Amino acid sequence: MNILNLPNLSNKPDTRVSYNINGRQYMFRFKWAGTYCLIDIYIIENNVNNYLVKGRALTTLSDIAERIKDESLFKGSLVLVPKYETAPDISQENFHTDYNLLYMDE
């Protein structure tokens, strides 16, 4: 299990972050959209963005990667989890302080 720290969306509500998962570099785009966060996950191959997830609203305790069918590109689960048992609702201000993205290899 790997803990992926989330970006601070308070100052920059549209942020791209690169994560290394199982030796492969993935680009994540987090975009705050009013009351929720949208996520894109892609890899860059031959200067082209190959999207694995595009425009999905992040919800807690739901596998973001469940729709990725090509296991050669991504294996495992990716879940947004609260850091604390009594975490508040997700907001633009607490996204990076009260939540983590967990990657669990299958």
N, C-alpha and C. Protein backbone atom coordinates (compact mmCIF):
# COMPACT_ATOMS: atom_id res chain seq x y z
N MET A 1 0.85 -1.17 0.00
CA MET A 1 0.00 0.00 0.00
C MET A 1 0.90 1.24 0.00
N ASN A 2 0.60 2.18 -0.87
CA ASN A 2 1.32 3.45 -0.96
C ASN A 2 0.37 4.60 -0.67
N ILE A 3 0.85 5.56 0.11
CA ILE A 3 0.07 6.76 0.38
C ILE A 3 0.56 7.86 -0.57
N LEU A 4 -0.37 8.39 -1.35
CA LEU A 4 -0.05 9.47 -2.28
C LEU A 4 -0.60 10.77 -1.69
N ASN A 5 0.30 11.70 -1.39
CA ASN A 5 -0.12 12.98 -0.83
C ASN A 5 -0.83 13.80 -1.89
N LEU A 6 -1.87 14.48 -1.48
CA LEU A 6 -2.69 15.27 -2.39
C LEU A 6 -2.19 16.70 -2.46
N PRO A 7 -2.40 17.36 -3.59
CA PRO A 7 -1.95 18.75 -3.73
C PRO A 7 -2.88 19.71 -3.00
N ASN A 8 -2.34 20.88 -2.68
CA ASN A 8 -3.11 21.95 -2.07
C ASN A 8 -3.89 22.67 -3.19
N LEU A 9 -5.20 22.51 -3.19
CA LEU A 9 -6.03 23.12 -4.23
C LEU A 9 -6.55 24.49 -3.81
N SER A 10 -6.21 24.93 -2.60
CA SER A 10 -6.66 26.24 -2.14
C SER A 10 -6.09 27.35 -3.00
N ASN A 11 -4.80 27.27 -3.29
CA ASN A 11 -4.14 28.32 -4.05
C ASN A 11 -4.18 28.09 -5.56
N LYS A 12 -4.22 26.83 -5.95
CA LYS A 12 -4.22 26.49 -7.37
C LYS A 12 -5.24 25.38 -7.61
N PRO A 13 -6.48 25.73 -7.94
CA PRO A 13 -7.56 24.75 -8.04
C PRO A 13 -7.47 23.79 -9.23
N ASP A 14 -6.52 24.01 -10.11
CA ASP A 14 -6.30 23.11 -11.25
C ASP A 14 -4.82 22.74 -11.24
N THR A 15 -4.51 21.57 -10.69
CA THR A 15 -3.12 21.19 -10.44
C THR A 15 -2.81 19.84 -11.05
N ARG A 16 -1.63 19.73 -11.64
CA ARG A 16 -1.13 18.45 -12.16
C ARG A 16 0.01 17.97 -11.27
N VAL A 17 -0.03 16.67 -10.95
CA VAL A 17 0.98 16.05 -10.10
C VAL A 17 1.39 14.74 -10.75
N SER A 18 2.67 14.44 -10.67
CA SER A 18 3.19 13.18 -11.19
C SER A 18 3.44 12.23 -10.02
N TYR A 19 2.94 11.00 -10.15
CA TYR A 19 3.16 9.97 -9.14
C TYR A 19 3.82 8.77 -9.81
N ASN A 20 4.77 8.18 -9.12
CA ASN A 20 5.39 6.95 -9.58
C ASN A 20 4.69 5.79 -8.89
N ILE A 21 4.03 4.95 -9.68
CA ILE A 21 3.31 3.81 -9.14
C ILE A 21 3.83 2.56 -9.84
N ASN A 22 4.40 1.66 -9.06
CA ASN A 22 4.97 0.41 -9.57
C ASN A 22 5.97 0.66 -10.70
N GLY A 23 6.81 1.66 -10.52
CA GLY A 23 7.87 1.93 -11.49
C GLY A 23 7.44 2.65 -12.75
N ARG A 24 6.21 3.09 -12.80
CA ARG A 24 5.71 3.81 -13.98
C ARG A 24 5.20 5.19 -13.56
N GLN A 25 5.47 6.18 -14.38
CA GLN A 25 5.09 7.56 -14.09
C GLN A 25 3.68 7.84 -14.61
N TYR A 26 2.80 8.30 -13.72
CA TYR A 26 1.43 8.66 -14.07
C TYR A 26 1.21 10.13 -13.75
N MET A 27 0.49 10.81 -14.61
CA MET A 27 0.12 12.20 -14.38
C MET A 27 -1.31 12.23 -13.84
N PHE A 28 -1.50 13.01 -12.80
CA PHE A 28 -2.81 13.19 -12.21
C PHE A 28 -3.15 14.66 -12.31
N ARG A 29 -4.35 14.95 -12.75
CA ARG A 29 -4.84 16.32 -12.77
C ARG A 29 -6.01 16.40 -11.80
N PHE A 30 -5.88 17.29 -10.82
CA PHE A 30 -6.93 17.53 -9.85
C PHE A 30 -7.52 18.90 -10.16
N LYS A 31 -8.84 18.95 -10.33
CA LYS A 31 -9.48 20.23 -10.66
C LYS A 31 -10.68 20.43 -9.73
N TRP A 32 -10.58 21.47 -8.92
CA TRP A 32 -11.68 21.77 -8.02
C TRP A 32 -12.80 22.43 -8.82
N ALA A 33 -14.02 21.89 -8.69
CA ALA A 33 -15.15 22.35 -9.50
C ALA A 33 -16.33 22.74 -8.60
N GLY A 34 -16.18 23.80 -7.87
CA GLY A 34 -17.27 24.28 -7.01
C GLY A 34 -17.32 23.60 -5.66
N THR A 35 -17.94 22.41 -5.59
CA THR A 35 -18.06 21.69 -4.32
C THR A 35 -17.44 20.30 -4.36
N TYR A 36 -16.74 19.97 -5.42
CA TYR A 36 -16.12 18.66 -5.54
C TYR A 36 -14.87 18.75 -6.41
N CYS A 37 -14.11 17.65 -6.43
CA CYS A 37 -12.88 17.61 -7.20
C CYS A 37 -13.01 16.60 -8.34
N LEU A 38 -12.58 17.01 -9.52
CA LEU A 38 -12.51 16.11 -10.67
C LEU A 38 -11.08 15.61 -10.83
N ILE A 39 -10.94 14.37 -11.29
CA ILE A 39 -9.61 13.82 -11.48
C ILE A 39 -9.46 13.25 -12.88
N ASP A 40 -8.30 13.49 -13.46
CA ASP A 40 -7.86 12.82 -14.70
C ASP A 40 -6.59 12.07 -14.34
N ILE A 41 -6.44 10.88 -14.89
CA ILE A 41 -5.19 10.12 -14.74
C ILE A 41 -4.76 9.73 -16.15
N TYR A 42 -3.49 10.02 -16.46
CA TYR A 42 -3.01 9.67 -17.79
C TYR A 42 -1.52 9.38 -17.75
N ILE A 43 -1.07 8.71 -18.81
CA ILE A 43 0.37 8.52 -19.02
C ILE A 43 0.70 9.22 -20.34
N ILE A 44 1.94 9.64 -20.45
CA ILE A 44 2.37 10.32 -21.67
C ILE A 44 3.23 9.33 -22.45
N GLU A 45 2.76 9.00 -23.65
CA GLU A 45 3.48 8.08 -24.53
C GLU A 45 3.61 8.74 -25.90
N ASN A 46 4.83 8.86 -26.39
CA ASN A 46 5.09 9.48 -27.69
C ASN A 46 4.48 10.87 -27.78
N ASN A 47 4.63 11.65 -26.71
CA ASN A 47 4.11 13.01 -26.62
C ASN A 47 2.59 13.11 -26.73
N VAL A 48 1.89 12.01 -26.42
CA VAL A 48 0.44 11.98 -26.45
C VAL A 48 -0.07 11.56 -25.07
N ASN A 49 -1.08 12.28 -24.56
CA ASN A 49 -1.69 11.90 -23.29
C ASN A 49 -2.63 10.72 -23.51
N ASN A 50 -2.32 9.59 -22.88
CA ASN A 50 -3.16 8.40 -22.94
C ASN A 50 -3.96 8.36 -21.63
N TYR A 51 -5.24 8.76 -21.71
CA TYR A 51 -6.08 8.88 -20.52
C TYR A 51 -6.56 7.52 -20.03
N LEU A 52 -6.41 7.30 -18.72
CA LEU A 52 -6.94 6.11 -18.07
C LEU A 52 -8.24 6.45 -17.36
N VAL A 53 -8.30 7.65 -16.81
CA VAL A 53 -9.50 8.18 -16.15
C VAL A 53 -9.60 9.64 -16.56
N LYS A 54 -10.80 10.07 -16.92
CA LYS A 54 -10.96 11.46 -17.36
C LYS A 54 -12.25 12.04 -16.79
N GLY A 55 -12.09 13.12 -16.02
CA GLY A 55 -13.24 13.87 -15.51
C GLY A 55 -14.09 13.14 -14.50
N ARG A 56 -13.48 12.30 -13.70
CA ARG A 56 -14.25 11.56 -12.69
C ARG A 56 -14.29 12.35 -11.39
N ALA A 57 -15.46 12.48 -10.80
CA ALA A 57 -15.60 13.15 -9.51
C ALA A 57 -15.05 12.24 -8.43
N LEU A 58 -14.20 12.80 -7.58
CA LEU A 58 -13.62 12.03 -6.48
C LEU A 58 -14.62 11.87 -5.35
N THR A 59 -14.80 10.64 -4.91
CA THR A 59 -15.62 10.35 -3.75
C THR A 59 -14.81 9.46 -2.82
N THR A 60 -15.05 9.56 -1.55
CA THR A 60 -14.28 8.76 -0.60
C THR A 60 -14.67 7.29 -0.68
N LEU A 61 -13.69 6.47 -0.39
CA LEU A 61 -13.83 5.02 -0.26
C LEU A 61 -14.38 4.33 -1.52
N SER A 62 -14.14 4.93 -2.66
CA SER A 62 -14.55 4.36 -3.94
C SER A 62 -13.31 4.17 -4.80
N ASP A 63 -13.18 3.02 -5.46
CA ASP A 63 -12.00 2.72 -6.27
C ASP A 63 -12.03 3.53 -7.56
N ILE A 64 -11.14 4.47 -7.65
CA ILE A 64 -11.05 5.35 -8.82
C ILE A 64 -10.60 4.56 -10.05
N ALA A 65 -9.77 3.56 -9.83
CA ALA A 65 -9.17 2.80 -10.93
C ALA A 65 -10.00 1.60 -11.37
N GLU A 66 -11.17 1.40 -10.81
CA GLU A 66 -11.95 0.20 -11.13
C GLU A 66 -12.35 0.11 -12.61
N ARG A 67 -12.42 1.23 -13.28
CA ARG A 67 -12.83 1.22 -14.70
C ARG A 67 -11.67 1.05 -15.67
N ILE A 68 -10.44 1.05 -15.15
CA ILE A 68 -9.28 0.85 -16.02
C ILE A 68 -9.15 -0.64 -16.29
N LYS A 69 -9.42 -1.03 -17.50
CA LYS A 69 -9.46 -2.46 -17.83
C LYS A 69 -8.13 -3.02 -18.30
N ASP A 70 -7.23 -2.15 -18.73
CA ASP A 70 -5.94 -2.61 -19.26
C ASP A 70 -4.93 -2.73 -18.13
N GLU A 71 -4.75 -3.96 -17.62
CA GLU A 71 -3.85 -4.18 -16.49
C GLU A 71 -2.39 -3.96 -16.85
N SER A 72 -2.07 -3.88 -18.14
CA SER A 72 -0.69 -3.56 -18.50
C SER A 72 -0.39 -2.08 -18.22
N LEU A 73 -1.44 -1.27 -18.12
CA LEU A 73 -1.27 0.15 -17.83
C LEU A 73 -1.39 0.46 -16.35
N PHE A 74 -2.28 -0.22 -15.65
CA PHE A 74 -2.51 0.09 -14.24
C PHE A 74 -3.11 -1.13 -13.56
N LYS A 75 -2.44 -1.56 -12.52
CA LYS A 75 -2.95 -2.66 -11.70
C LYS A 75 -3.22 -2.13 -10.31
N GLY A 76 -4.22 -2.66 -9.67
CA GLY A 76 -4.48 -2.28 -8.29
C GLY A 76 -5.64 -1.33 -8.15
N SER A 77 -5.80 -0.85 -6.92
CA SER A 77 -6.90 0.04 -6.56
C SER A 77 -6.36 1.39 -6.12
N LEU A 78 -7.15 2.40 -6.35
CA LEU A 78 -6.80 3.76 -5.98
C LEU A 78 -8.01 4.36 -5.28
N VAL A 79 -7.86 4.67 -3.98
CA VAL A 79 -9.01 5.07 -3.17
C VAL A 79 -8.69 6.34 -2.39
N LEU A 80 -9.62 7.29 -2.40
CA LEU A 80 -9.52 8.49 -1.59
C LEU A 80 -10.04 8.17 -0.20
N VAL A 81 -9.19 8.37 0.82
CA VAL A 81 -9.57 8.03 2.20
C VAL A 81 -9.31 9.21 3.13
N PRO A 82 -10.17 9.36 4.15
CA PRO A 82 -9.92 10.40 5.15
C PRO A 82 -8.74 9.99 6.03
N LYS A 83 -7.95 10.97 6.46
CA LYS A 83 -6.82 10.70 7.34
C LYS A 83 -7.28 10.41 8.77
N TYR A 84 -8.44 10.95 9.12
CA TYR A 84 -8.94 10.85 10.49
C TYR A 84 -10.33 10.25 10.49
N GLU A 85 -10.67 9.59 11.57
CA GLU A 85 -11.98 8.93 11.67
C GLU A 85 -13.13 9.93 11.55
N THR A 86 -12.94 11.12 12.07
CA THR A 86 -14.00 12.13 12.04
C THR A 86 -13.65 13.26 11.06
N ALA A 87 -13.20 12.89 9.88
CA ALA A 87 -12.82 13.90 8.88
C ALA A 87 -14.05 14.67 8.40
N PRO A 88 -13.88 15.97 8.20
CA PRO A 88 -14.99 16.77 7.67
C PRO A 88 -15.24 16.45 6.19
N ASP A 89 -16.34 16.95 5.68
CA ASP A 89 -16.60 16.80 4.25
C ASP A 89 -15.45 17.41 3.45
N ILE A 90 -15.21 16.87 2.28
CA ILE A 90 -14.11 17.36 1.44
C ILE A 90 -14.42 18.79 1.00
N SER A 91 -13.40 19.63 1.14
CA SER A 91 -13.50 21.01 0.65
C SER A 91 -12.20 21.35 -0.05
N GLN A 92 -12.21 22.45 -0.73
CA GLN A 92 -11.00 22.90 -1.43
C GLN A 92 -9.88 23.18 -0.43
N GLU A 93 -10.23 23.63 0.76
CA GLU A 93 -9.24 23.98 1.78
C GLU A 93 -8.68 22.76 2.50
N ASN A 94 -9.49 21.71 2.72
CA ASN A 94 -9.01 20.56 3.50
C ASN A 94 -8.64 19.34 2.66
N PHE A 95 -8.75 19.46 1.37
CA PHE A 95 -8.48 18.34 0.47
C PHE A 95 -7.10 17.73 0.74
N HIS A 96 -6.09 18.55 0.85
CA HIS A 96 -4.72 18.06 1.03
C HIS A 96 -4.36 17.79 2.49
N THR A 97 -5.12 18.35 3.43
CA THR A 97 -4.77 18.17 4.84
C THR A 97 -5.52 17.02 5.51
N ASP A 98 -6.73 16.73 5.05
CA ASP A 98 -7.56 15.73 5.73
C ASP A 98 -7.78 14.45 4.93
N TYR A 99 -7.20 14.36 3.73
CA TYR A 99 -7.41 13.19 2.88
C TYR A 99 -6.11 12.72 2.23
N ASN A 100 -6.06 11.44 1.93
CA ASN A 100 -4.95 10.84 1.20
C ASN A 100 -5.51 10.00 0.06
N LEU A 101 -4.68 9.75 -0.91
CA LEU A 101 -5.00 8.82 -1.99
C LEU A 101 -4.18 7.57 -1.70
N LEU A 102 -4.84 6.44 -1.56
CA LEU A 102 -4.14 5.17 -1.28
C LEU A 102 -4.10 4.32 -2.53
N TYR A 103 -2.92 3.84 -2.84
CA TYR A 103 -2.77 2.88 -3.93
C TYR A 103 -2.51 1.51 -3.30
N MET A 104 -3.34 0.54 -3.67
CA MET A 104 -3.20 -0.81 -3.16
C MET A 104 -3.00 -1.76 -4.36
N ASP A 105 -1.85 -2.38 -4.40
CA ASP A 105 -1.52 -3.30 -5.49
C ASP A 105 -2.33 -4.57 -5.31
N GLU A 106 -2.87 -5.08 -6.41
CA GLU A 106 -3.66 -6.32 -6.34
C GLU A 106 -2.81 -7.52 -6.64
